Structures are given as structure tokens and as C-alpha cells.
N, C-alpha and C. Protein backbone atom coordinates (compact mmCIF):
# COMPACT_ATOMS: atom_id res chain seq x y z
N MET A 1 10.43 3.00 -30.32
CA MET A 1 10.40 2.17 -29.13
C MET A 1 11.21 2.86 -28.03
N GLU A 2 10.63 2.84 -26.83
CA GLU A 2 11.31 3.38 -25.67
C GLU A 2 11.39 2.31 -24.61
N LYS A 3 12.50 2.33 -23.86
CA LYS A 3 12.69 1.35 -22.79
C LYS A 3 12.97 2.08 -21.48
N LEU A 4 12.55 1.43 -20.41
CA LEU A 4 12.72 1.99 -19.07
C LEU A 4 13.02 0.84 -18.13
N ASN A 5 14.05 0.98 -17.31
CA ASN A 5 14.33 -0.02 -16.28
C ASN A 5 13.82 0.52 -14.95
N VAL A 6 13.08 -0.33 -14.24
CA VAL A 6 12.52 0.04 -12.95
C VAL A 6 12.82 -1.05 -11.94
N ILE A 7 12.82 -0.68 -10.68
CA ILE A 7 13.00 -1.62 -9.59
C ILE A 7 11.68 -1.76 -8.86
N VAL A 8 11.27 -2.99 -8.59
CA VAL A 8 10.05 -3.23 -7.82
C VAL A 8 10.38 -2.95 -6.36
N GLU A 9 9.79 -1.90 -5.82
CA GLU A 9 10.09 -1.50 -4.45
C GLU A 9 8.94 -1.75 -3.49
N SER A 10 7.81 -2.24 -3.99
CA SER A 10 6.71 -2.55 -3.10
C SER A 10 7.10 -3.77 -2.28
N LYS A 11 6.77 -3.76 -0.99
CA LYS A 11 7.23 -4.78 -0.05
C LYS A 11 6.87 -6.20 -0.48
N CYS A 12 5.71 -6.38 -1.05
CA CYS A 12 5.25 -7.72 -1.43
C CYS A 12 5.38 -7.98 -2.93
N GLY A 13 6.10 -7.15 -3.65
CA GLY A 13 6.27 -7.35 -5.08
C GLY A 13 5.01 -6.97 -5.84
N LEU A 14 4.88 -7.54 -7.02
CA LEU A 14 3.71 -7.24 -7.86
C LEU A 14 2.62 -8.27 -7.60
N HIS A 15 2.05 -8.25 -6.41
CA HIS A 15 0.91 -9.11 -6.11
C HIS A 15 -0.33 -8.48 -6.75
N ALA A 16 -1.51 -8.98 -6.45
CA ALA A 16 -2.73 -8.61 -7.17
C ALA A 16 -2.99 -7.10 -7.24
N ARG A 17 -2.92 -6.40 -6.12
CA ARG A 17 -3.27 -4.98 -6.12
C ARG A 17 -2.29 -4.14 -6.95
N PRO A 18 -0.98 -4.24 -6.72
CA PRO A 18 -0.08 -3.44 -7.56
C PRO A 18 -0.08 -3.89 -9.03
N ALA A 19 -0.29 -5.18 -9.26
CA ALA A 19 -0.37 -5.66 -10.64
C ALA A 19 -1.57 -5.03 -11.34
N SER A 20 -2.67 -4.88 -10.62
CA SER A 20 -3.84 -4.25 -11.22
C SER A 20 -3.57 -2.77 -11.53
N LEU A 21 -2.75 -2.11 -10.72
CA LEU A 21 -2.36 -0.72 -11.01
C LEU A 21 -1.50 -0.65 -12.27
N VAL A 22 -0.62 -1.63 -12.45
CA VAL A 22 0.20 -1.69 -13.66
C VAL A 22 -0.70 -1.85 -14.88
N VAL A 23 -1.64 -2.78 -14.82
CA VAL A 23 -2.56 -3.03 -15.94
C VAL A 23 -3.42 -1.81 -16.21
N SER A 24 -3.93 -1.19 -15.15
CA SER A 24 -4.76 -0.01 -15.31
C SER A 24 -3.97 1.12 -15.98
N THR A 25 -2.74 1.30 -15.58
CA THR A 25 -1.89 2.34 -16.19
C THR A 25 -1.62 2.01 -17.65
N ALA A 26 -1.28 0.76 -17.94
CA ALA A 26 -0.96 0.36 -19.30
C ALA A 26 -2.15 0.53 -20.23
N ASN A 27 -3.34 0.25 -19.72
CA ASN A 27 -4.54 0.34 -20.55
C ASN A 27 -4.97 1.76 -20.88
N LYS A 28 -4.32 2.74 -20.31
CA LYS A 28 -4.60 4.13 -20.64
C LYS A 28 -3.96 4.54 -21.97
N PHE A 29 -3.09 3.68 -22.50
CA PHE A 29 -2.31 4.03 -23.68
C PHE A 29 -2.58 3.05 -24.82
N SER A 30 -2.45 3.56 -26.05
CA SER A 30 -2.64 2.70 -27.22
C SER A 30 -1.37 1.90 -27.54
N SER A 31 -0.24 2.33 -27.02
CA SER A 31 1.03 1.64 -27.28
C SER A 31 1.02 0.22 -26.72
N ASN A 32 1.82 -0.64 -27.33
CA ASN A 32 2.07 -1.97 -26.78
C ASN A 32 3.09 -1.81 -25.66
N ILE A 33 2.80 -2.39 -24.50
CA ILE A 33 3.68 -2.25 -23.35
C ILE A 33 4.01 -3.65 -22.84
N THR A 34 5.30 -3.93 -22.76
CA THR A 34 5.77 -5.24 -22.33
C THR A 34 6.66 -5.08 -21.11
N LEU A 35 6.48 -5.97 -20.14
CA LEU A 35 7.36 -6.04 -18.98
C LEU A 35 8.27 -7.24 -19.15
N LYS A 36 9.57 -7.06 -18.90
CA LYS A 36 10.50 -8.18 -18.99
C LYS A 36 11.25 -8.32 -17.67
N LYS A 37 11.40 -9.58 -17.26
CA LYS A 37 12.18 -9.89 -16.06
C LYS A 37 12.97 -11.16 -16.34
N GLN A 38 14.27 -11.05 -16.36
CA GLN A 38 15.15 -12.21 -16.54
C GLN A 38 14.71 -13.11 -17.68
N GLY A 39 14.48 -12.52 -18.83
CA GLY A 39 14.12 -13.29 -20.02
C GLY A 39 12.65 -13.62 -20.15
N ARG A 40 11.86 -13.40 -19.11
CA ARG A 40 10.42 -13.64 -19.19
C ARG A 40 9.74 -12.34 -19.59
N ALA A 41 8.79 -12.42 -20.49
CA ALA A 41 8.09 -11.22 -20.96
C ALA A 41 6.60 -11.36 -20.73
N ALA A 42 5.95 -10.22 -20.46
CA ALA A 42 4.51 -10.22 -20.23
C ALA A 42 3.89 -8.96 -20.81
N ASN A 43 2.69 -9.11 -21.31
CA ASN A 43 1.91 -7.98 -21.78
C ASN A 43 1.44 -7.21 -20.54
N ALA A 44 1.81 -5.95 -20.43
CA ALA A 44 1.46 -5.15 -19.26
C ALA A 44 -0.03 -4.83 -19.19
N LYS A 45 -0.77 -5.14 -20.25
CA LYS A 45 -2.21 -4.89 -20.25
C LYS A 45 -3.00 -6.12 -19.81
N SER A 46 -2.29 -7.16 -19.41
CA SER A 46 -2.91 -8.41 -18.99
C SER A 46 -2.57 -8.71 -17.53
N ILE A 47 -3.57 -8.80 -16.67
CA ILE A 47 -3.32 -9.07 -15.26
C ILE A 47 -2.62 -10.41 -15.09
N LEU A 48 -3.03 -11.42 -15.84
CA LEU A 48 -2.37 -12.73 -15.75
C LEU A 48 -0.92 -12.65 -16.22
N GLY A 49 -0.69 -11.86 -17.24
CA GLY A 49 0.67 -11.69 -17.74
C GLY A 49 1.56 -11.03 -16.70
N VAL A 50 1.08 -9.97 -16.09
CA VAL A 50 1.86 -9.25 -15.09
C VAL A 50 2.13 -10.16 -13.89
N LEU A 51 1.13 -10.87 -13.43
CA LEU A 51 1.31 -11.78 -12.30
C LEU A 51 2.25 -12.93 -12.65
N SER A 52 2.26 -13.35 -13.91
CA SER A 52 3.07 -14.51 -14.31
C SER A 52 4.57 -14.27 -14.25
N ILE A 53 5.00 -13.02 -14.29
CA ILE A 53 6.45 -12.78 -14.20
C ILE A 53 6.95 -12.85 -12.76
N ALA A 54 6.03 -12.95 -11.81
CA ALA A 54 6.36 -13.18 -10.40
C ALA A 54 7.44 -12.22 -9.87
N ALA A 55 7.23 -10.94 -10.08
CA ALA A 55 8.19 -9.93 -9.64
C ALA A 55 8.06 -9.71 -8.14
N VAL A 56 9.19 -9.78 -7.45
CA VAL A 56 9.23 -9.55 -6.00
C VAL A 56 10.04 -8.30 -5.70
N ASN A 57 9.99 -7.88 -4.47
CA ASN A 57 10.73 -6.69 -4.03
C ASN A 57 12.20 -6.82 -4.42
N GLY A 58 12.70 -5.77 -5.06
CA GLY A 58 14.10 -5.73 -5.47
C GLY A 58 14.36 -6.18 -6.89
N ASP A 59 13.38 -6.81 -7.54
CA ASP A 59 13.56 -7.24 -8.93
C ASP A 59 13.64 -6.03 -9.85
N GLU A 60 14.48 -6.16 -10.88
CA GLU A 60 14.55 -5.13 -11.91
C GLU A 60 13.72 -5.59 -13.10
N LEU A 61 12.87 -4.70 -13.56
CA LEU A 61 12.03 -4.96 -14.72
C LEU A 61 12.40 -4.00 -15.84
N GLU A 62 12.29 -4.49 -17.05
CA GLU A 62 12.45 -3.63 -18.21
C GLU A 62 11.06 -3.39 -18.78
N VAL A 63 10.70 -2.13 -18.95
CA VAL A 63 9.42 -1.76 -19.53
C VAL A 63 9.71 -1.33 -20.96
N ILE A 64 9.10 -2.00 -21.92
CA ILE A 64 9.31 -1.70 -23.33
C ILE A 64 8.00 -1.19 -23.90
N VAL A 65 8.04 0.00 -24.48
CA VAL A 65 6.83 0.65 -24.98
C VAL A 65 7.02 0.95 -26.46
N GLU A 66 6.04 0.51 -27.26
CA GLU A 66 6.07 0.76 -28.70
C GLU A 66 4.73 1.29 -29.15
N GLY A 67 4.73 2.49 -29.72
CA GLY A 67 3.49 3.05 -30.23
C GLY A 67 3.50 4.55 -30.27
N GLN A 68 2.35 5.11 -30.62
CA GLN A 68 2.24 6.55 -30.82
C GLN A 68 2.39 7.36 -29.54
N ASP A 69 1.95 6.81 -28.42
CA ASP A 69 2.00 7.57 -27.17
C ASP A 69 3.04 7.02 -26.20
N GLU A 70 4.15 6.52 -26.77
CA GLU A 70 5.15 5.86 -25.92
C GLU A 70 5.81 6.80 -24.92
N ALA A 71 6.04 8.05 -25.27
CA ALA A 71 6.67 8.98 -24.33
C ALA A 71 5.78 9.19 -23.10
N GLU A 72 4.49 9.35 -23.34
CA GLU A 72 3.55 9.53 -22.23
C GLU A 72 3.46 8.28 -21.37
N ALA A 73 3.48 7.11 -22.01
CA ALA A 73 3.41 5.85 -21.29
C ALA A 73 4.65 5.65 -20.42
N VAL A 74 5.82 5.94 -20.95
CA VAL A 74 7.06 5.81 -20.17
C VAL A 74 7.01 6.73 -18.96
N SER A 75 6.55 7.94 -19.16
CA SER A 75 6.42 8.90 -18.05
C SER A 75 5.47 8.37 -16.98
N ALA A 76 4.36 7.80 -17.40
CA ALA A 76 3.39 7.25 -16.45
C ALA A 76 3.98 6.08 -15.67
N PHE A 77 4.76 5.23 -16.33
CA PHE A 77 5.37 4.09 -15.64
C PHE A 77 6.49 4.54 -14.70
N LYS A 78 7.21 5.60 -15.05
CA LYS A 78 8.20 6.16 -14.12
C LYS A 78 7.51 6.60 -12.84
N ASP A 79 6.41 7.30 -12.99
CA ASP A 79 5.65 7.77 -11.83
C ASP A 79 5.07 6.60 -11.04
N LEU A 80 4.54 5.62 -11.74
CA LEU A 80 3.93 4.46 -11.09
C LEU A 80 4.95 3.71 -10.24
N PHE A 81 6.10 3.38 -10.80
CA PHE A 81 7.09 2.62 -10.05
C PHE A 81 7.88 3.49 -9.09
N GLY A 82 7.94 4.79 -9.35
CA GLY A 82 8.69 5.68 -8.47
C GLY A 82 7.90 6.15 -7.26
N ASN A 83 6.57 6.17 -7.36
CA ASN A 83 5.78 6.74 -6.27
C ASN A 83 4.60 5.86 -5.84
N GLN A 84 3.73 5.54 -6.78
CA GLN A 84 2.46 4.93 -6.45
C GLN A 84 2.57 3.52 -5.87
N LEU A 85 3.51 2.72 -6.37
CA LEU A 85 3.61 1.33 -5.93
C LEU A 85 4.39 1.16 -4.62
N LEU A 86 4.99 2.22 -4.13
CA LEU A 86 5.80 2.10 -2.91
C LEU A 86 4.99 1.67 -1.69
N ASN A 87 3.75 2.05 -1.64
CA ASN A 87 2.92 1.76 -0.46
C ASN A 87 2.03 0.55 -0.64
N GLU A 88 2.19 -0.16 -1.72
CA GLU A 88 1.32 -1.33 -1.97
C GLU A 88 1.91 -2.58 -1.36
């Protein structure tokens, strides 16, 4: 299991478009990927799950990855939250 803490830096938080990018990224991997925010957990492969944590700009999320390709998944999520979601 690998964990990664990220900050939501997109101006509008994880609304529909960035949430779909999270789901799209998560679905590239066979590992189980969970997002946690203040005790709430969501399956990162579920658009409803990602939207349900109601992450807004400045929130810290914990990304928990368990599976065979967890190192690659963590790297992809670092890139996603560090670069791709900034303009969403």
C-alpha cells in the first residue's frame, strides 16, 4: 500500500470535469484507489464517489493505492494533482 497527500488547487475544487479526470486516471490502473478527506472515503474509480467527498480549493486529500501497479498509480496522481488539475 502506498499513500500520497495532495492539495486540491483547482479554483472550483473537484467539480464534474476535474472529477472525471481523477476517475479516468484511476481507471488506468488495476490497483484499488481511495480518496480520503476528513474521514470521508471514496472510490477514485467512481465519479459519484469522487464528487461525494465535496473537495474544494485548498482541501488536502489522502490518496491510498493498493495493488500491483501502485507505484505507477501514485506517480500518475502526483502528476494529475500537481499539473493537470491546476487549470480546471
